[in-house]
PDB file of N, CA and C in Angstrom:
ATOM      1  N   ASP A   1       6.664  10.707  -1.029  1.00  0.00           N
ATOM      2  CA  ASP A   1       5.401  11.372  -1.292  1.00  0.00           C
ATOM      3  C   ASP A   1       4.794  11.846   0.028  1.00  0.00           C
ATOM      4  N   GLU A   2       4.334  13.068   0.034  1.00  0.00           N
ATOM      5  CA  GLU A   2       3.819  13.695   1.249  1.00  0.00           C
ATOM      6  C   GLU A   2       2.595  12.972   1.811  1.00  0.00           C
ATOM      7  N   THR A   3       1.722  12.507   0.948  1.00  0.00           N
ATOM      8  CA  THR A   3       0.510  11.813   1.404  1.00  0.00           C
ATOM      9  C   THR A   3       0.865  10.583   2.220  1.00  0.00           C
ATOM     10  N   LEU A   4       1.773   9.765   1.717  1.00  0.00           N
ATOM     11  CA  LEU A   4       2.158   8.555   2.440  1.00  0.00           C
ATOM     12  C   LEU A   4       2.880   8.895   3.741  1.00  0.00           C
ATOM     13  N   ARG A   5       3.639   9.968   3.730  1.00  0.00           N
ATOM     14  CA  ARG A   5       4.307  10.397   4.959  1.00  0.00           C
ATOM     15  C   ARG A   5       3.278  10.754   6.034  1.00  0.00           C
ATOM     16  N   LEU A   6       2.209  11.407   5.624  1.00  0.00           N
ATOM     17  CA  LEU A   6       1.182  11.821   6.578  1.00  0.00           C
ATOM     18  C   LEU A   6       0.391  10.645   7.156  1.00  0.00           C
ATOM     19  N   VAL A   7       0.128   9.639   6.341  1.00  0.00           N
ATOM     20  CA  VAL A   7      -0.681   8.511   6.829  1.00  0.00           C
ATOM     21  C   VAL A   7       0.163   7.386   7.411  1.00  0.00           C
ATOM     22  N   ARG A   8       1.468   7.483   7.278  1.00  0.00           N
ATOM     23  CA  ARG A   8       2.367   6.409   7.714  1.00  0.00           C
ATOM     24  C   ARG A   8       2.116   5.946   9.150  1.00  0.00           C
ATOM     25  N   PRO A   9       2.043   6.848  10.147  1.00  0.00           N
ATOM     26  CA  PRO A   9       1.864   6.363  11.526  1.00  0.00           C
ATOM     27  C   PRO A   9       0.572   5.557  11.711  1.00  0.00           C
ATOM     28  N   GLU A  10      -0.528   6.031  11.151  1.00  0.00           N
ATOM     29  CA  GLU A  10      -1.795   5.320  11.298  1.00  0.00           C
ATOM     30  C   GLU A  10      -1.783   4.016  10.513  1.00  0.00           C
ATOM     31  N   PHE A  11      -1.191   4.035   9.334  1.00  0.00           N
ATOM     32  CA  PHE A  11      -1.065   2.836   8.510  1.00  0.00           C
ATOM     33  C   PHE A  11      -0.290   1.756   9.266  1.00  0.00           C
ATOM     34  N   VAL A  12       0.826   2.134   9.851  1.00  0.00           N
ATOM     35  CA  VAL A  12       1.672   1.187  10.586  1.00  0.00           C
ATOM     36  C   VAL A  12       0.925   0.606  11.791  1.00  0.00           C
ATOM     37  N   ASN A  13       0.163   1.423  12.486  1.00  0.00           N
ATOM     38  CA  ASN A  13      -0.556   0.964  13.675  1.00  0.00           C
ATOM     39  C   ASN A  13      -1.783   0.120  13.366  1.00  0.00           C
ATOM     40  N   ARG A  14      -2.410   0.335  12.230  1.00  0.00           N
ATOM     41  CA  ARG A  14      -3.714  -0.286  11.984  1.00  0.00           C
ATOM     42  C   ARG A  14      -3.722  -1.411  10.962  1.00  0.00           C
ATOM     43  N   ILE A  15      -2.708  -1.516  10.143  1.00  0.00           N
ATOM     44  CA  ILE A  15      -2.745  -2.469   9.028  1.00  0.00           C
ATOM     45  C   ILE A  15      -2.543  -3.899   9.535  1.00  0.00           C
ATOM     46  N   SER A  16      -3.323  -4.819   9.011  1.00  0.00           N
ATOM     47  CA  SER A  16      -3.182  -6.226   9.399  1.00  0.00           C
ATOM     48  C   SER A  16      -2.226  -6.933   8.440  1.00  0.00           C
ATOM     49  N   ASP A  17      -1.724  -8.068   8.881  1.00  0.00           N
ATOM     50  CA  ASP A  17      -0.800  -8.831   8.035  1.00  0.00           C
ATOM     51  C   ASP A  17      -1.488  -9.310   6.762  1.00  0.00           C
ATOM     52  N   SER A  18      -2.740  -9.705   6.866  1.00  0.00           N
ATOM     53  CA  SER A  18      -3.437 -10.187   5.661  1.00  0.00           C
ATOM     54  C   SER A  18      -3.623  -9.054   4.653  1.00  0.00           C
ATOM     55  N   VAL A  19      -3.886  -7.839   5.124  1.00  0.00           N
ATOM     56  CA  VAL A  19      -4.010  -6.704   4.210  1.00  0.00           C
ATOM     57  C   VAL A  19      -2.645  -6.368   3.605  1.00  0.00           C
ATOM     58  N   LEU A  20      -1.600  -6.429   4.420  1.00  0.00           N
ATOM     59  CA  LEU A  20      -0.253  -6.193   3.873  1.00  0.00           C
ATOM     60  C   LEU A  20       0.075  -7.187   2.767  1.00  0.00           C
ATOM     61  N   LYS A  21      -0.280  -8.449   2.964  1.00  0.00           N
ATOM     62  CA  LYS A  21      -0.043  -9.455   1.921  1.00  0.00           C
ATOM     63  C   LYS A  21      -0.807  -9.103   0.654  1.00  0.00           C
ATOM     64  N   GLY A  22      -2.040  -8.643   0.811  1.00  0.00           N
ATOM     65  CA  GLY A  22      -2.828  -8.222  -0.350  1.00  0.00           C
ATOM     66  C   GLY A  22      -2.209  -7.033  -1.064  1.00  0.00           C
ATOM     67  N   LEU A  23      -1.689  -6.085  -0.289  1.00  0.00           N
ATOM     68  CA  LEU A  23      -1.025  -4.930  -0.901  1.00  0.00           C
ATOM     69  C   LEU A  23       0.222  -5.347  -1.665  1.00  0.00           C
ATOM     70  N   LEU A  24       1.001  -6.245  -1.068  1.00  0.00           N
ATOM     71  CA  LEU A  24       2.206  -6.727  -1.766  1.00  0.00           C
ATOM     72  C   LEU A  24       1.835  -7.406  -3.074  1.00  0.00           C
ATOM     73  N   ASP A  25       0.801  -8.237  -3.041  1.00  0.00           N
ATOM     74  CA  ASP A  25       0.354  -8.907  -4.272  1.00  0.00           C
ATOM     75  C   ASP A  25      -0.081  -7.893  -5.322  1.00  0.00           C
ATOM     76  N   ALA A  26      -0.864  -6.893  -4.891  1.00  0.00           N
ATOM     77  CA  ALA A  26      -1.355  -5.881  -5.825  1.00  0.00           C
ATOM     78  C   ALA A  26      -0.217  -5.069  -6.422  1.00  0.00           C
ATOM     79  N   LEU A  27       0.746  -4.674  -5.577  1.00  0.00           N
ATOM     80  CA  LEU A  27       1.857  -3.857  -6.059  1.00  0.00           C
ATOM     81  C   LEU A  27       2.813  -4.655  -6.932  1.00  0.00           C
ATOM     82  N   LEU A  28       2.948  -5.936  -6.680  1.00  0.00           N
ATOM     83  CA  LEU A  28       3.748  -6.797  -7.553  1.00  0.00           C
ATOM     84  C   LEU A  28       3.061  -6.934  -8.911  1.00  0.00           C
ATOM     85  N   CYS A  29       1.772  -7.189  -8.875  1.00  0.00           N
ATOM     86  CA  CYS A  29       0.997  -7.335 -10.104  1.00  0.00           C
ATOM     87  C   CYS A  29       1.035  -6.052 -10.939  1.00  0.00           C
ATOM     88  N   ASP A  30       1.024  -4.915 -10.253  1.00  0.00           N
ATOM     89  CA  ASP A  30       1.020  -3.616 -10.927  1.00  0.00           C
ATOM     90  C   ASP A  30       2.428  -3.121 -11.256  1.00  0.00           C
ATOM     91  N   ARG A  31       3.435  -3.931 -10.949  1.00  0.00           N
ATOM     92  CA  ARG A  31       4.845  -3.647 -11.242  1.00  0.00           C
ATOM     93  C   ARG A  31       5.404  -2.431 -10.508  1.00  0.00           C
ATOM     94  N   VAL A  32       4.795  -2.121  -9.364  1.00  0.00           N
ATOM     95  CA  VAL A  32       5.375  -1.092  -8.496  1.00  0.00           C
ATOM     96  C   VAL A  32       6.542  -1.708  -7.743  1.00  0.00           C
ATOM     97  N   LEU A  33       6.372  -2.973  -7.333  1.00  0.00           N
ATOM     98  CA  LEU A  33       7.433  -3.737  -6.678  1.00  0.00           C
ATOM     99  C   LEU A  33       7.850  -4.886  -7.577  1.00  0.00           C
ATOM    100  N   ASN A  34       9.119  -5.253  -7.492  1.00  0.00           N
ATOM    101  CA  ASN A  34       9.564  -6.433  -8.237  1.00  0.00           C
ATOM    102  C   ASN A  34       9.582  -7.645  -7.293  1.00  0.00           C
ATOM    103  N   ASP A  35       9.915  -8.790  -7.839  1.00  0.00           N
ATOM    104  CA  ASP A  35       9.907 -10.024  -7.041  1.00  0.00           C
ATOM    105  C   ASP A  35      10.844  -9.946  -5.832  1.00  0.00           C
ATOM    106  N   GLU A  36      12.032  -9.413  -6.030  1.00  0.00           N
ATOM    107  CA  GLU A  36      13.001  -9.332  -4.936  1.00  0.00           C
ATOM    108  C   GLU A  36      12.514  -8.419  -3.817  1.00  0.00           C
ATOM    109  N   GLU A  37      11.951  -7.264  -4.179  1.00  0.00           N
ATOM    110  CA  GLU A  37      11.442  -6.338  -3.168  1.00  0.00           C
ATOM    111  C   GLU A  37      10.280  -6.967  -2.398  1.00  0.00           C
ATOM    112  N   THR A  38       9.397  -7.627  -3.130  1.00  0.00           N
ATOM    113  CA  THR A  38       8.248  -8.269  -2.492  1.00  0.00           C
ATOM    114  C   THR A  38       8.714  -9.356  -1.529  1.00  0.00           C
ATOM    115  N   GLN A  39       9.648 -10.167  -1.960  1.00  0.00           N
ATOM    116  CA  GLN A  39      10.157 -11.237  -1.104  1.00  0.00           C
ATOM    117  C   GLN A  39      10.854 -10.674   0.133  1.00  0.00           C
ATOM    118  N   SER A  40      11.606  -9.604  -0.046  1.00  0.00           N
ATOM    119  CA  SER A  40      12.274  -8.965   1.082  1.00  0.00           C
ATOM    120  C   SER A  40      11.255  -8.465   2.107  1.00  0.00           C
ATOM    121  N   LEU A  41      10.184  -7.848   1.633  1.00  0.00           N
ATOM    122  CA  LEU A  41       9.151  -7.348   2.539  1.00  0.00           C
ATOM    123  C   LEU A  41       8.407  -8.488   3.222  1.00  0.00           C
ATOM    124  N   ARG A  42       8.214  -9.594   2.531  1.00  0.00           N
ATOM    125  CA  ARG A  42       7.487 -10.733   3.110  1.00  0.00           C
ATOM    126  C   ARG A  42       8.238 -11.337   4.304  1.00  0.00           C
ATOM    127  N   THR A  43       9.549 -11.153   4.373  1.00  0.00           N
ATOM    128  CA  THR A  43      10.319 -11.708   5.485  1.00  0.00           C
ATOM    129  C   THR A  43      10.218 -10.848   6.747  1.00  0.00           C
ATOM    130  N   LYS A  44       9.732  -9.630   6.598  1.00  0.00           N
ATOM    131  CA  LYS A  44       9.583  -8.730   7.745  1.00  0.00           C
ATOM    132  C   LYS A  44       8.293  -9.082   8.487  1.00  0.00           C
ATOM    133  N   VAL A  45       8.179  -8.575   9.695  1.00  0.00           N
ATOM    134  CA  VAL A  45       6.970  -8.843  10.480  1.00  0.00           C
ATOM    135  C   VAL A  45       6.328  -7.542  10.951  1.00  0.00           C
ATOM    136  N   GLY A  46       5.010  -7.582  11.050  1.00  0.00           N
ATOM    137  CA  GLY A  46       4.220  -6.519  11.644  1.00  0.00           C
ATOM    138  C   GLY A  46       4.534  -5.121  11.179  1.00  0.00           C
ATOM    139  N   ALA A  47       4.753  -4.254  12.165  1.00  0.00           N
ATOM    140  CA  ALA A  47       4.959  -2.839  11.893  1.00  0.00           C
ATOM    141  C   ALA A  47       6.188  -2.593  11.026  1.00  0.00           C
ATOM    142  N   ASP A  48       7.216  -3.424  11.160  1.00  0.00           N
ATOM    143  CA  ASP A  48       8.414  -3.249  10.326  1.00  0.00           C
ATOM    144  C   ASP A  48       8.079  -3.443   8.852  1.00  0.00           C
ATOM    145  N   LYS A  49       7.226  -4.429   8.554  1.00  0.00           N
ATOM    146  CA  LYS A  49       6.815  -4.669   7.169  1.00  0.00           C
ATOM    147  C   LYS A  49       6.050  -3.459   6.643  1.00  0.00           C
ATOM    148  N   ALA A  50       5.133  -2.922   7.432  1.00  0.00           N
ATOM    149  CA  ALA A  50       4.334  -1.770   7.013  1.00  0.00           C
ATOM    150  C   ALA A  50       5.211  -0.542   6.795  1.00  0.00           C
ATOM    151  N   ARG A  51       6.123  -0.280   7.731  1.00  0.00           N
ATOM    152  CA  ARG A  51       7.037   0.861   7.594  1.00  0.00           C
ATOM    153  C   ARG A  51       7.891   0.731   6.343  1.00  0.00           C
ATOM    154  N   ASP A  52       8.476  -0.443   6.159  1.00  0.00           N
ATOM    155  CA  ASP A  52       9.367  -0.643   5.017  1.00  0.00           C
ATOM    156  C   ASP A  52       8.616  -0.554   3.691  1.00  0.00           C
ATOM    157  N   LEU A  53       7.376  -1.026   3.662  1.00  0.00           N
ATOM    158  CA  LEU A  53       6.579  -0.920   2.435  1.00  0.00           C
ATOM    159  C   LEU A  53       6.350   0.544   2.084  1.00  0.00           C
ATOM    160  N   ILE A  54       5.894   1.327   3.039  1.00  0.00           N
ATOM    161  CA  ILE A  54       5.644   2.755   2.766  1.00  0.00           C
ATOM    162  C   ILE A  54       6.930   3.451   2.351  1.00  0.00           C
ATOM    163  N   ASP A  55       8.010   3.204   3.064  1.00  0.00           N
ATOM    164  CA  ASP A  55       9.272   3.867   2.747  1.00  0.00           C
ATOM    165  C   ASP A  55       9.789   3.470   1.368  1.00  0.00           C
ATOM    166  N   MET A  56       9.676   2.194   1.029  1.00  0.00           N
ATOM    167  CA  MET A  56      10.142   1.715  -0.268  1.00  0.00           C
ATOM    168  C   MET A  56       9.349   2.361  -1.403  1.00  0.00           C
ATOM    169  N   VAL A  57       8.040   2.418  -1.239  1.00  0.00           N
ATOM    170  CA  VAL A  57       7.197   2.987  -2.287  1.00  0.00           C
ATOM    171  C   VAL A  57       7.407   4.498  -2.386  1.00  0.00           C
ATOM    172  N   ARG A  58       7.526   5.179  -1.263  1.00  0.00           N
ATOM    173  CA  ARG A  58       7.766   6.636  -1.289  1.00  0.00           C
ATOM    174  C   ARG A  58       9.024   6.983  -2.070  1.00  0.00           C
ATOM    175  N   LYS A  59      10.060   6.175  -1.935  1.00  0.00           N
ATOM    176  CA  LYS A  59      11.324   6.439  -2.633  1.00  0.00           C
ATOM    177  C   LYS A  59      11.188   6.280  -4.147  1.00  0.00           C
ATOM    178  N   LYS A  60      10.151   5.578  -4.583  1.00  0.00           N
ATOM    179  CA  LYS A  60       9.950   5.350  -6.016  1.00  0.00           C
ATOM    180  C   LYS A  60       9.213   6.493  -6.704  1.00  0.00           C
ATOM    181  N   GLY A  61       8.708   7.445  -5.922  1.00  0.00           N
ATOM    182  CA  GLY A  61       8.098   8.629  -6.518  1.00  0.00           C
ATOM    183  C   GLY A  61       6.583   8.670  -6.442  1.00  0.00           C
ATOM    184  N   SER A  62       6.039   9.713  -7.052  1.00  0.00           N
ATOM    185  CA  SER A  62       4.612   9.988  -6.910  1.00  0.00           C
ATOM    186  C   SER A  62       3.723   8.963  -7.612  1.00  0.00           C
ATOM    187  N   GLU A  63       4.138   8.450  -8.741  1.00  0.00           N
ATOM    188  CA  GLU A  63       3.313   7.435  -9.430  1.00  0.00           C
ATOM    189  C   GLU A  63       3.203   6.171  -8.587  1.00  0.00           C
ATOM    190  N   ALA A  64       4.317   5.714  -8.043  1.00  0.00           N
ATOM    191  CA  ALA A  64       4.292   4.528  -7.185  1.00  0.00           C
ATOM    192  C   ALA A  64       3.455   4.800  -5.931  1.00  0.00           C
ATOM    193  N   SER A  65       3.597   5.984  -5.357  1.00  0.00           N
ATOM    194  CA  SER A  65       2.812   6.336  -4.175  1.00  0.00           C
ATOM    195  C   SER A  65       1.320   6.340  -4.495  1.00  0.00           C
ATOM    196  N   SER A  66       0.964   6.860  -5.647  1.00  0.00           N
ATOM    197  CA  SER A  66      -0.443   6.859  -6.066  1.00  0.00           C
ATOM    198  C   SER A  66      -0.967   5.443  -6.238  1.00  0.00           C
ATOM    199  N   ARG A  67      -0.127   4.564  -6.728  1.00  0.00           N
ATOM    200  CA  ARG A  67      -0.530   3.161  -6.893  1.00  0.00           C
ATOM    201  C   ARG A  67      -0.749   2.487  -5.539  1.00  0.00           C
ATOM    202  N   LEU A  68       0.099   2.803  -4.562  1.00  0.00           N
ATOM    203  CA  LEU A  68      -0.101   2.248  -3.222  1.00  0.00           C
ATOM    204  C   LEU A  68      -1.403   2.777  -2.616  1.00  0.00           C
ATOM    205  N   ILE A  69      -1.672   4.055  -2.794  1.00  0.00           N
ATOM    206  CA  ILE A  69      -2.917   4.632  -2.287  1.00  0.00           C
ATOM    207  C   ILE A  69      -4.117   3.929  -2.926  1.00  0.00           C
ATOM    208  N   ALA A  70      -4.060   3.713  -4.230  1.00  0.00           N
ATOM    209  CA  ALA A  70      -5.150   3.002  -4.920  1.00  0.00           C
ATOM    210  C   ALA A  70      -5.282   1.576  -4.395  1.00  0.00           C
ATOM    211  N   ALA A  71      -4.157   0.929  -4.133  1.00  0.00           N
ATOM    212  CA  ALA A  71      -4.188  -0.437  -3.604  1.00  0.00           C
ATOM    213  C   ALA A  71      -4.798  -0.471  -2.209  1.00  0.00           C
ATOM    214  N   ILE A  72      -4.471   0.515  -1.380  1.00  0.00           N
ATOM    215  CA  ILE A  72      -5.068   0.583  -0.041  1.00  0.00           C
ATOM    216  C   ILE A  72      -6.580   0.706  -0.166  1.00  0.00           C
ATOM    217  N   ARG A  73      -7.028   1.557  -1.072  1.00  0.00           N
ATOM    218  CA  ARG A  73      -8.473   1.726  -1.277  1.00  0.00           C
ATOM    219  C   ARG A  73      -9.132   0.415  -1.710  1.00  0.00           C
ATOM    220  N   ASN A  74      -8.451  -0.355  -2.543  1.00  0.00           N
ATOM    221  CA  ASN A  74      -9.008  -1.615  -3.042  1.00  0.00           C
ATOM    222  C   ASN A  74      -8.929  -2.745  -2.033  1.00  0.00           C
ATOM    223  N   VAL A  75      -7.802  -2.863  -1.366  1.00  0.00           N
ATOM    224  CA  VAL A  75      -7.560  -4.000  -0.477  1.00  0.00           C
ATOM    225  C   VAL A  75      -8.172  -3.788   0.903  1.00  0.00           C
ATOM    226  N   ASP A  76      -8.161  -2.547   1.400  1.00  0.00           N
ATOM    227  CA  ASP A  76      -8.700  -2.270   2.735  1.00  0.00           C
ATOM    228  C   ASP A  76      -9.552  -1.003   2.721  1.00  0.00           C
ATOM    229  N   PRO A  77     -10.765  -1.101   2.172  1.00  0.00           N
ATOM    230  CA  PRO A  77     -11.624   0.083   2.110  1.00  0.00           C
ATOM    231  C   PRO A  77     -11.902   0.690   3.488  1.00  0.00           C
ATOM    232  N   GLN A  78     -11.937  -0.135   4.539  1.00  0.00           N
ATOM    233  CA  GLN A  78     -12.186   0.385   5.882  1.00  0.00           C
ATOM    234  C   GLN A  78     -11.077   1.331   6.334  1.00  0.00           C
ATOM    235  N   LEU A  79      -9.831   0.972   6.079  1.00  0.00           N
ATOM    236  CA  LEU A  79      -8.716   1.840   6.464  1.00  0.00           C
ATOM    237  C   LEU A  79      -8.791   3.157   5.697  1.00  0.00           C
ATOM    238  N   SER A  80      -9.135   3.100   4.413  1.00  0.00           N
ATOM    239  CA  SER A  80      -9.189   4.329   3.623  1.00  0.00           C
ATOM    240  C   SER A  80     -10.340   5.240   4.046  1.00  0.00           C
ATOM    241  N   LYS A  81     -11.312   4.701   4.801  1.00  0.00           N
ATOM    242  CA  LYS A  81     -12.432   5.511   5.303  1.00  0.00           C
ATOM    243  C   LYS A  81     -12.196   6.019   6.725  1.00  0.00           C
ATOM    244  N   ASP A  82     -11.095   5.609   7.335  1.00  0.00           N
ATOM    245  CA  ASP A  82     -10.779   6.041   8.699  1.00  0.00           C
ATOM    246  C   ASP A  82     -10.752   7.570   8.760  1.00  0.00           C
ATOM    247  N   PRO A  83     -11.363   8.168   9.797  1.00  0.00           N
ATOM    248  CA  PRO A  83     -11.429   9.633   9.883  1.00  0.00           C
ATOM    249  C   PRO A  83     -10.066  10.325   9.887  1.00  0.00           C
ATOM    250  N   TYR A  84      -9.022   9.641  10.371  1.00  0.00           N
ATOM    251  CA  TYR A  84      -7.691  10.242  10.339  1.00  0.00           C
ATOM    252  C   TYR A  84      -7.048  10.064   8.967  1.00  0.00           C
ATOM    253  N   VAL A  85      -7.209   8.902   8.381  1.00  0.00           N
ATOM    254  CA  VAL A  85      -6.530   8.586   7.125  1.00  0.00           C
ATOM    255  C   VAL A  85      -7.210   9.240   5.926  1.00  0.00           C
ATOM    256  N   ARG A  86      -8.535   9.220   5.890  1.00  0.00           N
ATOM    257  CA  ARG A  86      -9.285   9.662   4.717  1.00  0.00           C
ATOM    258  C   ARG A  86      -8.899  11.053   4.202  1.00  0.00           C
ATOM    259  N   PRO A  87      -8.772  12.076   5.048  1.00  0.00           N
ATOM    260  CA  PRO A  87      -8.435  13.394   4.506  1.00  0.00           C
ATOM    261  C   PRO A  87      -7.079  13.439   3.799  1.00  0.00           C
ATOM    262  N   HIS A  88      -6.217  12.491   4.107  1.00  0.00           N
ATOM    263  CA  HIS A  88      -4.878  12.484   3.515  1.00  0.00           C
ATOM    264  C   HIS A  88      -4.780  11.627   2.259  1.00  0.00           C
ATOM    265  N   LEU A  89      -5.812  10.818   1.982  1.00  0.00           N
ATOM    266  CA  LEU A  89      -5.801   9.980   0.786  1.00  0.00           C
ATOM    267  C   LEU A  89      -6.662  10.636  -0.280  1.00  0.00           C
ATOM    268  N   PRO A  90      -6.046  11.328  -1.216  1.00  0.00           N
ATOM    269  CA  PRO A  90      -6.837  12.007  -2.245  1.00  0.00           C
ATOM    270  C   PRO A  90      -7.516  10.990  -3.150  1.00  0.00           C
ATOM    271  N   CYS A  91      -8.611  11.433  -3.749  1.00  0.00           N
ATOM    272  CA  CYS A  91      -9.260  10.568  -4.739  1.00  0.00           C
ATOM    273  C   CYS A  91      -8.267  10.323  -5.858  1.00  0.00           C
ATOM    274  N   SER A  92      -8.196   9.107  -6.277  1.00  0.00           N
ATOM    275  CA  SER A  92      -7.243   8.734  -7.309  1.00  0.00           C
ATOM    276  C   SER A  92      -7.962   8.579  -8.641  1.00  0.00           C
ATOM    277  N   PHE A  93      -7.359   9.075  -9.683  1.00  0.00           N
ATOM    278  CA  PHE A  93      -7.915   8.906 -11.016  1.00  0.00           C
ATOM    279  C   PHE A  93      -7.277   7.730 -11.737  1.00  0.00           C
ATOM    280  N   LEU A  94      -6.516   6.953 -11.004  1.00  0.00           N
ATOM    281  CA  LEU A  94      -5.884   5.780 -11.588  1.00  0.00           C
ATOM    282  C   LEU A  94      -6.917   4.682 -11.751  1.00  0.00           C
ATOM    283  N   PRO A  95      -6.755   3.853 -12.770  1.00  0.00           N
ATOM    284  CA  PRO A  95      -7.688   2.732 -12.895  1.00  0.00           C
ATOM    285  C   PRO A  95      -7.497   1.775 -11.735  1.00  0.00           C
ATOM    286  N   PRO A  96      -8.548   1.039 -11.370  1.00  0.00           N
ATOM    287  CA  PRO A  96      -8.412   0.086 -10.269  1.00  0.00           C
ATOM    288  C   PRO A  96      -7.331  -0.938 -10.574  1.00  0.00           C
ATOM    289  N   LEU A  97      -6.641  -1.349  -9.540  1.00  0.00           N
ATOM    290  CA  LEU A  97      -5.621  -2.373  -9.695  1.00  0.00           C
ATOM    291  C   LEU A  97      -6.276  -3.733  -9.856  1.00  0.00           C
ATOM    292  N   ARG A  98      -5.690  -4.570 -10.656  1.00  0.00           N
ATOM    293  CA  ARG A  98      -6.160  -5.946 -10.777  1.00  0.00           C
ATOM    294  C   ARG A  98      -5.483  -6.748  -9.690  1.00  0.00           C
ATOM    295  N   LEU A  99      -6.261  -7.276  -8.801  1.00  0.00           N
ATOM    296  CA  LEU A  99      -5.719  -8.019  -7.678  1.00  0.00           C
ATOM    297  C   LEU A  99      -5.659  -9.500  -8.003  1.00  0.00           C
ATOM    298  N   MET A 100      -4.713 -10.183  -7.364  1.00  0.00           N
ATOM    299  CA  MET A 100      -4.565 -11.619  -7.570  1.00  0.00           C
ATOM    300  C   MET A 100      -5.880 -12.336  -7.281  1.00  0.00           C
ATOM    301  N   SER A 101      -6.633 -11.874  -6.302  1.00  0.00           N
ATOM    302  CA  SER A 101      -7.885 -12.521  -5.942  1.00  0.00           C
ATOM    303  C   SER A 101      -8.956 -12.339  -7.014  1.00  0.00           C
ATOM    304  N   ASP A 102      -8.737 -11.417  -7.957  1.00  0.00           N
ATOM    305  CA  ASP A 102      -9.688 -11.200  -9.038  1.00  0.00           C
ATOM    306  C   ASP A 102      -9.477 -12.191 -10.168  1.00  0.00           C
ATOM    307  N   GLY A 103      -8.549 -13.099 -10.015  1.00  0.00           N
ATOM    308  CA  GLY A 103      -8.300 -14.105 -11.035  1.00  0.00           C
ATOM    309  C   GLY A 103      -7.316 -13.694 -12.099  1.00  0.00           C
ATOM    310  N   PHE A 104      -6.576 -12.631 -11.871  1.00  0.00           N
ATOM    311  CA  PHE A 104      -5.582 -12.189 -12.838  1.00  0.00           C
ATOM    312  C   PHE A 104      -4.207 -12.635 -12.431  1.00  0.00           C
TER     313      PHE A 104
END
């Protein structure tokens, strides 16, 4: 997906490990990632984890990419408001993701 390709460098440089864990939980819950993919990503560290997450989701197509964008908005609103990232993250009409921290 073109949107994720455009934000990839900033995402990789700015994302924290705790936010990445939240994204993995959200994408697992939303069935964008399966258990094996999530576990594989959890073994990576830092920028490699962020790169592999974006690349894995991009390969799954536009719906999966839209779900990751929605998850970024939910898990890290500050990153989605970044002046570089914001113009590349279109408003999503997808329903909010149910996050593990929401008790689901």
